[in-house]
């Protein structure tokens, strides 16, 4: 019974994922190969017996794959091997730091216009928070997507309080793995820990809300979500600044997402908008 419930849940969550993979030209065969490789990796790393090295035979028992297939899959790389932060992550960190680091803010706590070079400049901001990425390349990307503007006096001004990659970009596809992995890790943690050790995981959904309120809710949830994330961003930045050199660290964050499921076809949704 539990297994069937899991299969039903997987069917529902895979629908949007399959839409993305088909849109990106990934075949069912390629998708299956990825799933098989991850099955082997998880079985090997997370399900070994205490004090024993995980064997090919036991991985086969856990995954249902034969030993020959397990051995083949273990030789395949899980990723392209690039462990460095993606350019999207680095650019996002620059925007986040501009909003949270007091060095780059005015007396009101708002991101102040920055010179491109010099003390407290955009170049310094990039150097602190984006590693070895060229400041000019970061500025050009932010200008391209409308987050940054360069005024006649040469100062760079932040126009938006967040970085959202282009819908057709590789960076946006990369976010899929990061964000979804975070959510599933939280869900997995809550399934394997007692209630007092659970991580926050909540949502609010009402069904049969008149469709005319969807635009207002989208705007409201975006404003509230952005305000909350900015508050948490400032808090996390302050705490990160207190870290001692040899102190252990942990990755912390909170994901907020809008839920909007229409009961009619997209064509009817478009007609509703056109008629407003």
C-alpha atoms as a PDB file:
ATOM      1  CA  UNK A   1       0.000   0.000   0.000  1.00  0.00           C
ATOM      2  CA  UNK A   2       2.772   2.444   0.970  1.00  0.00           C
ATOM      3  CA  UNK A   3       4.675   1.531  -2.204  1.00  0.00           C
ATOM      4  CA  UNK A   4       1.636   2.309  -4.366  1.00  0.00           C
ATOM      5  CA  UNK A   5       1.199   5.653  -2.635  1.00  0.00           C
ATOM      6  CA  UNK A   6       4.866   6.385  -3.389  1.00  0.00           C
ATOM      7  CA  UNK A   7       4.383   5.420  -7.049  1.00  0.00           C
ATOM      8  CA  UNK A   8       1.375   7.739  -7.273  1.00  0.00           C
ATOM      9  CA  UNK A   9       3.393  10.562  -5.702  1.00  0.00           C
ATOM     10  CA  UNK A  10       6.301   9.949  -8.099  1.00  0.00           C
ATOM     11  CA  UNK A  11       3.933  10.038 -11.065  1.00  0.00           C
ATOM     12  CA  UNK A  12       2.659  13.450 -10.010  1.00  0.00           C
ATOM     13  CA  UNK A  13       6.059  14.992  -9.318  1.00  0.00           C
ATOM     14  CA  UNK A  14       7.571  13.571 -12.513  1.00  0.00           C
ATOM     15  CA  UNK A  15       5.016  15.236 -14.789  1.00  0.00           C
ATOM     16  CA  UNK A  16       6.486  18.753 -14.587  1.00  0.00           C
ATOM     17  CA  UNK A  17      10.011  17.313 -14.612  1.00  0.00           C
ATOM     18  CA  UNK A  18       9.307  15.324 -17.784  1.00  0.00           C
ATOM     19  CA  UNK A  19       7.842  18.445 -19.410  1.00  0.00           C
ATOM     20  CA  UNK A  20      11.157  20.184 -18.732  1.00  0.00           C
ATOM     21  CA  UNK A  21      13.265  17.281 -20.020  1.00  0.00           C
ATOM     22  CA  UNK A  22      11.195  16.970 -23.217  1.00  0.00           C
ATOM     23  CA  UNK A  23      11.417  20.709 -23.797  1.00  0.00           C
ATOM     24  CA  UNK A  24      15.197  20.469 -23.441  1.00  0.00           C
ATOM     25  CA  UNK A  25      15.398  17.500 -25.808  1.00  0.00           C
ATOM     26  CA  UNK A  26      16.327  14.814 -23.262  1.00  0.00           C
ATOM     27  CA  UNK A  27      15.073  11.363 -24.263  1.00  0.00           C
ATOM     28  CA  UNK A  28      13.448   8.812 -21.958  1.00  0.00           C
ATOM     29  CA  UNK A  29      16.467   6.558 -22.457  1.00  0.00           C
ATOM     30  CA  UNK A  30      18.881   9.285 -21.325  1.00  0.00           C
ATOM     31  CA  UNK A  31      16.655  10.100 -18.344  1.00  0.00           C
ATOM     32  CA  UNK A  32      16.548   6.433 -17.340  1.00  0.00           C
ATOM     33  CA  UNK A  33      20.352   6.244 -17.535  1.00  0.00           C
ATOM     34  CA  UNK A  34      20.636   9.173 -15.113  1.00  0.00           C
ATOM     35  CA  UNK A  35      18.152   7.556 -12.717  1.00  0.00           C
ATOM     36  CA  UNK A  36      20.033   4.240 -12.775  1.00  0.00           C
ATOM     37  CA  UNK A  37      23.367   5.961 -12.115  1.00  0.00           C
ATOM     38  CA  UNK A  38      21.950   7.902  -9.164  1.00  0.00           C
ATOM     39  CA  UNK A  39      20.339   4.735  -7.757  1.00  0.00           C
ATOM     40  CA  UNK A  40      23.763   3.076  -7.717  1.00  0.00           C
ATOM     41  CA  UNK A  41      25.478   6.105  -6.194  1.00  0.00           C
ATOM     42  CA  UNK A  42      22.910   6.532  -3.407  1.00  0.00           C
ATOM     43  CA  UNK A  43      22.888   2.815  -2.612  1.00  0.00           C
ATOM     44  CA  UNK A  44      26.677   2.832  -2.430  1.00  0.00           C
ATOM     45  CA  UNK A  45      27.090   5.947  -0.286  1.00  0.00           C
ATOM     46  CA  UNK A  46      23.954   6.098   1.875  1.00  0.00           C
ATOM     47  CA  UNK A  47      22.912   2.486   2.426  1.00  0.00           C
ATOM     48  CA  UNK A  48      26.142   0.709   3.334  1.00  0.00           C
ATOM     49  CA  UNK A  49      26.144  -1.486   6.428  1.00  0.00           C
ATOM     50  CA  UNK A  50      27.939  -0.001   9.441  1.00  0.00           C
ATOM     51  CA  UNK A  51      31.645  -0.740   9.342  1.00  0.00           C
ATOM     52  CA  UNK A  52      31.487  -2.489   5.966  1.00  0.00           C
ATOM     53  CA  UNK A  53      32.385  -1.397   2.476  1.00  0.00           C
ATOM     54  CA  UNK A  54      29.419  -1.466   0.147  1.00  0.00           C
ATOM     55  CA  UNK A  55      29.718  -4.310  -2.358  1.00  0.00           C
ATOM     56  CA  UNK A  56      28.521  -4.521  -5.938  1.00  0.00           C
ATOM     57  CA  UNK A  57      26.313  -7.476  -4.993  1.00  0.00           C
ATOM     58  CA  UNK A  58      24.545  -5.590  -2.209  1.00  0.00           C
ATOM     59  CA  UNK A  59      24.048  -2.567  -4.452  1.00  0.00           C
ATOM     60  CA  UNK A  60      22.416  -4.939  -6.915  1.00  0.00           C
ATOM     61  CA  UNK A  61      20.108  -6.303  -4.215  1.00  0.00           C
ATOM     62  CA  UNK A  62      19.095  -2.804  -3.111  1.00  0.00           C
ATOM     63  CA  UNK A  63      18.529  -1.391  -6.598  1.00  0.00           C
ATOM     64  CA  UNK A  64      17.296  -4.466  -8.463  1.00  0.00           C
ATOM     65  CA  UNK A  65      20.101  -4.098 -11.018  1.00  0.00           C
ATOM     66  CA  UNK A  66      22.400  -6.992 -11.938  1.00  0.00           C
ATOM     67  CA  UNK A  67      26.071  -6.901 -10.908  1.00  0.00           C
ATOM     68  CA  UNK A  68      27.284  -6.265 -14.453  1.00  0.00           C
ATOM     69  CA  UNK A  69      25.011  -3.244 -14.786  1.00  0.00           C
ATOM     70  CA  UNK A  70      26.052  -1.920 -11.377  1.00  0.00           C
ATOM     71  CA  UNK A  71      29.717  -2.195 -12.340  1.00  0.00           C
ATOM     72  CA  UNK A  72      29.071  -0.376 -15.621  1.00  0.00           C
ATOM     73  CA  UNK A  73      27.169   2.434 -13.970  1.00  0.00           C
ATOM     74  CA  UNK A  74      29.785   2.927 -11.261  1.00  0.00           C
ATOM     75  CA  UNK A  75      32.289   3.818 -13.975  1.00  0.00           C
ATOM     76  CA  UNK A  76      30.069   6.605 -15.290  1.00  0.00           C
ATOM     77  CA  UNK A  77      30.544  10.149 -13.949  1.00  0.00           C
ATOM     78  CA  UNK A  78      27.569  11.571 -12.075  1.00  0.00           C
ATOM     79  CA  UNK A  79      28.248  15.117 -13.324  1.00  0.00           C
ATOM     80  CA  UNK A  80      30.623  16.881 -15.658  1.00  0.00           C
ATOM     81  CA  UNK A  81      33.103  17.022 -12.779  1.00  0.00           C
ATOM     82  CA  UNK A  82      32.926  20.794 -12.352  1.00  0.00           C
ATOM     83  CA  UNK A  83      32.579  21.420  -8.631  1.00  0.00           C
ATOM     84  CA  UNK A  84      33.031  25.181  -8.929  1.00  0.00           C
ATOM     85  CA  UNK A  85      29.984  27.402  -8.342  1.00  0.00           C
ATOM     86  CA  UNK A  86      28.087  28.139 -11.540  1.00  0.00           C
ATOM     87  CA  UNK A  87      28.188  31.636 -12.981  1.00  0.00           C
ATOM     88  CA  UNK A  88      24.555  32.036 -11.953  1.00  0.00           C
ATOM     89  CA  UNK A  89      25.365  31.303  -8.324  1.00  0.00           C
ATOM     90  CA  UNK A  90      28.228  33.775  -8.369  1.00  0.00           C
ATOM     91  CA  UNK A  91      26.183  36.567  -9.935  1.00  0.00           C
ATOM     92  CA  UNK A  92      23.363  35.885  -7.488  1.00  0.00           C
ATOM     93  CA  UNK A  93      25.813  36.194  -4.592  1.00  0.00           C
ATOM     94  CA  UNK A  94      26.894  39.625  -5.835  1.00  0.00           C
ATOM     95  CA  UNK A  95      23.311  40.921  -5.824  1.00  0.00           C
ATOM     96  CA  UNK A  96      22.636  39.360  -2.417  1.00  0.00           C
ATOM     97  CA  UNK A  97      25.765  40.906  -0.924  1.00  0.00           C
ATOM     98  CA  UNK A  98      24.911  44.320  -2.338  1.00  0.00           C
ATOM     99  CA  UNK A  99      21.625  44.086  -0.442  1.00  0.00           C
ATOM    100  CA  UNK A 100      23.138  42.840   2.830  1.00  0.00           C
ATOM    101  CA  UNK A 101      26.722  44.051   3.231  1.00  0.00           C
ATOM    102  CA  UNK A 102      26.789  47.455   4.949  1.00  0.00           C
ATOM    103  CA  UNK A 103      29.984  48.392   3.087  1.00  0.00           C
ATOM    104  CA  UNK A 104      27.927  48.703  -0.091  1.00  0.00           C
ATOM    105  CA  UNK A 105      24.817  50.306   1.455  1.00  0.00           C
ATOM    106  CA  UNK A 106      23.762  53.844   2.305  1.00  0.00           C
ATOM    107  CA  UNK A 107      22.747  55.110   5.749  1.00  0.00           C
ATOM    108  CA  UNK A 108      19.219  53.752   5.245  1.00  0.00           C
ATOM    109  CA  UNK A 109      20.480  50.256   4.539  1.00  0.00           C
ATOM    110  CA  UNK A 110      19.654  50.415   0.823  1.00  0.00           C
ATOM    111  CA  UNK A 111      22.165  49.359  -1.863  1.00  0.00           C
ATOM    112  CA  UNK A 112      24.032  52.511  -2.829  1.00  0.00           C
ATOM    113  CA  UNK A 113      25.291  53.389  -6.327  1.00  0.00           C
ATOM    114  CA  UNK A 114      28.843  52.122  -6.777  1.00  0.00           C
ATOM    115  CA  UNK A 115      31.839  53.244  -8.786  1.00  0.00           C
ATOM    116  CA  UNK A 116      33.171  50.510 -10.992  1.00  0.00           C
ATOM    117  CA  UNK A 117      36.621  50.556  -9.383  1.00  0.00           C
ATOM    118  CA  UNK A 118      38.186  51.705  -6.127  1.00  0.00           C
ATOM    119  CA  UNK A 119      37.436  51.252  -2.436  1.00  0.00           C
ATOM    120  CA  UNK A 120      33.857  50.149  -1.795  1.00  0.00           C
ATOM    121  CA  UNK A 121      33.333  49.768  -5.552  1.00  0.00           C
ATOM    122  CA  UNK A 122      31.484  47.265  -7.692  1.00  0.00           C
ATOM    123  CA  UNK A 123      34.803  45.586  -8.510  1.00  0.00           C
ATOM    124  CA  UNK A 124      35.474  45.117  -4.801  1.00  0.00           C
ATOM    125  CA  UNK A 125      31.968  43.713  -4.324  1.00  0.00           C
ATOM    126  CA  UNK A 126      32.583  41.168  -7.083  1.00  0.00           C
ATOM    127  CA  UNK A 127      36.025  40.282  -5.733  1.00  0.00           C
ATOM    128  CA  UNK A 128      34.610  39.617  -2.252  1.00  0.00           C
ATOM    129  CA  UNK A 129      31.598  37.586  -3.268  1.00  0.00           C
ATOM    130  CA  UNK A 130      32.206  36.160  -6.732  1.00  0.00           C
ATOM    131  CA  UNK A 131      35.736  34.809  -6.600  1.00  0.00           C
ATOM    132  CA  UNK A 132      37.735  35.234  -9.775  1.00  0.00           C
ATOM    133  CA  UNK A 133      34.914  36.288 -12.113  1.00  0.00           C
ATOM    134  CA  UNK A 134      35.756  39.515 -14.013  1.00  0.00           C
ATOM    135  CA  UNK A 135      33.775  42.453 -12.620  1.00  0.00           C
ATOM    136  CA  UNK A 136      33.007  43.688 -16.129  1.00  0.00           C
ATOM    137  CA  UNK A 137      31.487  40.332 -17.085  1.00  0.00           C
ATOM    138  CA  UNK A 138      29.268  40.352 -13.978  1.00  0.00           C
ATOM    139  CA  UNK A 139      28.163  43.934 -14.652  1.00  0.00           C
ATOM    140  CA  UNK A 140      27.366  43.157 -18.301  1.00  0.00           C
ATOM    141  CA  UNK A 141      25.227  40.146 -17.305  1.00  0.00           C
ATOM    142  CA  UNK A 142      23.282  42.141 -14.709  1.00  0.00           C
ATOM    143  CA  UNK A 143      22.757  44.987 -17.185  1.00  0.00           C
ATOM    144  CA  UNK A 144      21.591  42.517 -19.834  1.00  0.00           C
ATOM    145  CA  UNK A 145      18.846  41.100 -17.644  1.00  0.00           C
ATOM    146  CA  UNK A 146      17.749  44.506 -16.324  1.00  0.00           C
ATOM    147  CA  UNK A 147      19.031  44.176 -12.760  1.00  0.00           C
ATOM    148  CA  UNK A 148      21.752  46.807 -13.098  1.00  0.00           C
ATOM    149  CA  UNK A 149      22.052  50.203 -14.814  1.00  0.00           C
ATOM    150  CA  UNK A 150      25.092  52.337 -15.515  1.00  0.00           C
ATOM    151  CA  UNK A 151      24.370  56.075 -15.245  1.00  0.00           C
ATOM    152  CA  UNK A 152      26.042  58.927 -17.086  1.00  0.00           C
ATOM    153  CA  UNK A 153      28.326  59.591 -14.115  1.00  0.00           C
ATOM    154  CA  UNK A 154      29.691  56.055 -14.416  1.00  0.00           C
ATOM    155  CA  UNK A 155      28.070  54.730 -11.242  1.00  0.00           C
ATOM    156  CA  UNK A 156      26.336  51.369 -11.211  1.00  0.00           C
ATOM    157  CA  UNK A 157      22.852  51.265  -9.693  1.00  0.00           C
ATOM    158  CA  UNK A 158      20.926  48.188  -8.613  1.00  0.00           C
ATOM    159  CA  UNK A 159      17.452  48.230 -10.180  1.00  0.00           C
ATOM    160  CA  UNK A 160      16.086  44.964  -8.818  1.00  0.00           C
ATOM    161  CA  UNK A 161      16.363  43.250  -5.439  1.00  0.00           C
ATOM    162  CA  UNK A 162      16.939  39.830  -6.944  1.00  0.00           C
ATOM    163  CA  UNK A 163      18.632  37.957  -9.792  1.00  0.00           C
ATOM    164  CA  UNK A 164      16.466  35.863 -12.112  1.00  0.00           C
ATOM    165  CA  UNK A 165      18.245  34.286 -15.095  1.00  0.00           C
ATOM    166  CA  UNK A 166      16.902  34.472 -18.619  1.00  0.00           C
ATOM    167  CA  UNK A 167      14.172  31.814 -19.212  1.00  0.00           C
ATOM    168  CA  UNK A 168      16.208  30.280 -22.044  1.00  0.00           C
ATOM    169  CA  UNK A 169      19.514  30.275 -20.177  1.00  0.00           C
ATOM    170  CA  UNK A 170      21.574  27.329 -18.991  1.00  0.00           C
ATOM    171  CA  UNK A 171      21.663  28.933 -15.536  1.00  0.00           C
ATOM    172  CA  UNK A 172      17.889  28.638 -15.094  1.00  0.00           C
ATOM    173  CA  UNK A 173      17.999  24.924 -15.924  1.00  0.00           C
ATOM    174  CA  UNK A 174      20.829  24.538 -13.403  1.00  0.00           C
ATOM    175  CA  UNK A 175      18.624  26.067 -10.687  1.00  0.00           C
ATOM    176  CA  UNK A 176      16.214  23.150 -11.165  1.00  0.00           C
ATOM    177  CA  UNK A 177      18.690  20.725  -9.623  1.00  0.00           C
ATOM    178  CA  UNK A 178      19.722  22.990  -6.757  1.00  0.00           C
ATOM    179  CA  UNK A 179      16.262  24.087  -5.635  1.00  0.00           C
ATOM    180  CA  UNK A 180      14.579  20.719  -6.089  1.00  0.00           C
ATOM    181  CA  UNK A 181      17.425  18.947  -4.283  1.00  0.00           C
ATOM    182  CA  UNK A 182      17.033  21.289  -1.305  1.00  0.00           C
ATOM    183  CA  UNK A 183      13.292  20.641  -1.083  1.00  0.00           C
ATOM    184  CA  UNK A 184      13.655  16.863  -1.355  1.00  0.00           C
ATOM    185  CA  UNK A 185      16.452  16.815   1.217  1.00  0.00           C
ATOM    186  CA  UNK A 186      14.156  18.628   3.645  1.00  0.00           C
ATOM    187  CA  UNK A 187      11.345  16.176   2.917  1.00  0.00           C
ATOM    188  CA  UNK A 188      13.672  13.186   3.345  1.00  0.00           C
ATOM    189  CA  UNK A 189      14.976  14.615   6.630  1.00  0.00           C
ATOM    190  CA  UNK A 190      11.446  15.025   7.985  1.00  0.00           C
ATOM    191  CA  UNK A 191      10.536  11.459   7.012  1.00  0.00           C
ATOM    192  CA  UNK A 192      13.495  10.033   8.947  1.00  0.00           C
ATOM    193  CA  UNK A 193      13.540  12.243  12.063  1.00  0.00           C
ATOM    194  CA  UNK A 194      11.261  12.844  15.020  1.00  0.00           C
ATOM    195  CA  UNK A 195       8.916  15.802  15.003  1.00  0.00           C
ATOM    196  CA  UNK A 196      11.076  17.867  17.372  1.00  0.00           C
ATOM    197  CA  UNK A 197      14.006  17.568  14.935  1.00  0.00           C
ATOM    198  CA  UNK A 198      11.927  18.356  11.834  1.00  0.00           C
ATOM    199  CA  UNK A 199      12.812  21.177   9.465  1.00  0.00           C
ATOM    200  CA  UNK A 200      10.232  23.810   8.603  1.00  0.00           C
ATOM    201  CA  UNK A 201       8.084  22.610   5.713  1.00  0.00           C
ATOM    202  CA  UNK A 202       4.716  24.275   5.267  1.00  0.00           C
ATOM    203  CA  UNK A 203       2.401  25.557   2.596  1.00  0.00           C
ATOM    204  CA  UNK A 204      -0.977  27.277   2.450  1.00  0.00           C
ATOM    205  CA  UNK A 205      -3.392  26.358  -0.334  1.00  0.00           C
ATOM    206  CA  UNK A 206      -7.061  27.140  -0.860  1.00  0.00           C
ATOM    207  CA  UNK A 207      -9.034  25.462  -3.633  1.00  0.00           C
ATOM    208  CA  UNK A 208     -11.860  27.031  -5.650  1.00  0.00           C
ATOM    209  CA  UNK A 209     -10.602  30.594  -5.193  1.00  0.00           C
ATOM    210  CA  UNK A 210     -12.169  32.842  -7.875  1.00  0.00           C
ATOM    211  CA  UNK A 211      -9.680  33.060 -10.721  1.00  0.00           C
ATOM    212  CA  UNK A 212      -9.947  36.858 -10.841  1.00  0.00           C
ATOM    213  CA  UNK A 213      -7.827  37.003  -7.673  1.00  0.00           C
ATOM    214  CA  UNK A 214      -4.867  35.075  -9.138  1.00  0.00           C
ATOM    215  CA  UNK A 215      -2.988  38.145 -10.371  1.00  0.00           C
ATOM    216  CA  UNK A 216      -3.411  39.903  -7.013  1.00  0.00           C
ATOM    217  CA  UNK A 217      -2.183  36.829  -5.149  1.00  0.00           C
ATOM    218  CA  UNK A 218       0.827  36.513  -7.439  1.00  0.00           C
ATOM    219  CA  UNK A 219       1.747  40.103  -6.700  1.00  0.00           C
ATOM    220  CA  UNK A 220       1.094  39.766  -2.956  1.00  0.00           C
ATOM    221  CA  UNK A 221       3.060  36.526  -2.589  1.00  0.00           C
ATOM    222  CA  UNK A 222       5.978  37.966  -4.577  1.00  0.00           C
ATOM    223  CA  UNK A 223       6.153  41.091  -2.393  1.00  0.00           C
ATOM    224  CA  UNK A 224       5.826  39.146   0.858  1.00  0.00           C
ATOM    225  CA  UNK A 225       8.278  36.468  -0.262  1.00  0.00           C
ATOM    226  CA  UNK A 226      10.874  38.999  -1.407  1.00  0.00           C
ATOM    227  CA  UNK A 227      10.573  40.978   1.841  1.00  0.00           C
ATOM    228  CA  UNK A 228      10.978  37.810   3.923  1.00  0.00           C
ATOM    229  CA  UNK A 229      13.958  36.590   1.919  1.00  0.00           C
ATOM    230  CA  UNK A 230      15.684  39.966   2.209  1.00  0.00           C
ATOM    231  CA  UNK A 231      15.213  39.935   5.986  1.00  0.00           C
ATOM    232  CA  UNK A 232      16.661  36.420   6.202  1.00  0.00           C
ATOM    233  CA  UNK A 233      19.463  37.395   3.848  1.00  0.00           C
ATOM    234  CA  UNK A 234      20.529  40.225   6.149  1.00  0.00           C
ATOM    235  CA  UNK A 235      20.325  37.960   9.212  1.00  0.00           C
ATOM    236  CA  UNK A 236      22.419  35.226   7.578  1.00  0.00           C
ATOM    237  CA  UNK A 237      24.995  37.730   6.352  1.00  0.00           C
ATOM    238  CA  UNK A 238      25.387  39.098   9.892  1.00  0.00           C
ATOM    239  CA  UNK A 239      25.823  35.615  11.359  1.00  0.00           C
ATOM    240  CA  UNK A 240      28.279  34.563   8.655  1.00  0.00           C
ATOM    241  CA  UNK A 241      30.440  37.580   9.525  1.00  0.00           C
ATOM    242  CA  UNK A 242      30.827  36.280  13.122  1.00  0.00           C
ATOM    243  CA  UNK A 243      32.418  32.973  12.090  1.00  0.00           C
ATOM    244  CA  UNK A 244      35.740  32.007  13.658  1.00  0.00           C
ATOM    245  CA  UNK A 245      38.399  30.642  11.319  1.00  0.00           C
ATOM    246  CA  UNK A 246      38.237  27.039  12.638  1.00  0.00           C
ATOM    247  CA  UNK A 247      34.522  26.948  13.426  1.00  0.00           C
ATOM    248  CA  UNK A 248      32.405  24.306  11.618  1.00  0.00           C
ATOM    249  CA  UNK A 249      29.902  25.695   9.135  1.00  0.00           C
ATOM    250  CA  UNK A 250      26.451  24.716   7.868  1.00  0.00           C
ATOM    251  CA  UNK A 251      24.489  25.691   4.764  1.00  0.00           C
ATOM    252  CA  UNK A 252      21.262  27.456   5.806  1.00  0.00           C
ATOM    253  CA  UNK A 253      18.393  28.886   3.805  1.00  0.00           C
ATOM    254  CA  UNK A 254      14.655  29.035   3.240  1.00  0.00           C
ATOM    255  CA  UNK A 255      12.794  28.438  -0.007  1.00  0.00           C
ATOM    256  CA  UNK A 256       9.487  30.164  -0.722  1.00  0.00           C
ATOM    257  CA  UNK A 257       7.454  29.384  -3.818  1.00  0.00           C
ATOM    258  CA  UNK A 258       4.070  30.349  -5.204  1.00  0.00           C
ATOM    259  CA  UNK A 259       1.524  27.609  -5.877  1.00  0.00           C
ATOM    260  CA  UNK A 260      -0.935  28.271  -8.674  1.00  0.00           C
ATOM    261  CA  UNK A 261      -2.934  25.480 -10.322  1.00  0.00           C
ATOM    262  CA  UNK A 262      -5.664  26.445 -12.751  1.00  0.00           C
ATOM    263  CA  UNK A 263      -8.732  24.296 -13.214  1.00  0.00           C
ATOM    264  CA  UNK A 264      -9.117  25.366 -16.858  1.00  0.00           C
ATOM    265  CA  UNK A 265      -6.879  25.275 -19.917  1.00  0.00           C
ATOM    266  CA  UNK A 266      -4.159  27.829 -20.523  1.00  0.00           C
ATOM    267  CA  UNK A 267      -6.180  29.227 -23.418  1.00  0.00           C
ATOM    268  CA  UNK A 268      -9.058  30.073 -21.055  1.00  0.00           C
ATOM    269  CA  UNK A 269      -6.551  31.590 -18.621  1.00  0.00           C
ATOM    270  CA  UNK A 270      -5.273  33.853 -21.396  1.00  0.00           C
ATOM    271  CA  UNK A 271      -8.815  34.842 -22.341  1.00  0.00           C
ATOM    272  CA  UNK A 272      -9.516  35.790 -18.728  1.00  0.00           C
ATOM    273  CA  UNK A 273      -6.452  38.032 -18.608  1.00  0.00           C
ATOM    274  CA  UNK A 274      -7.330  39.659 -21.940  1.00  0.00           C
ATOM    275  CA  UNK A 275     -10.816  40.379 -20.698  1.00  0.00           C
ATOM    276  CA  UNK A 276      -9.719  42.073 -17.448  1.00  0.00           C
END
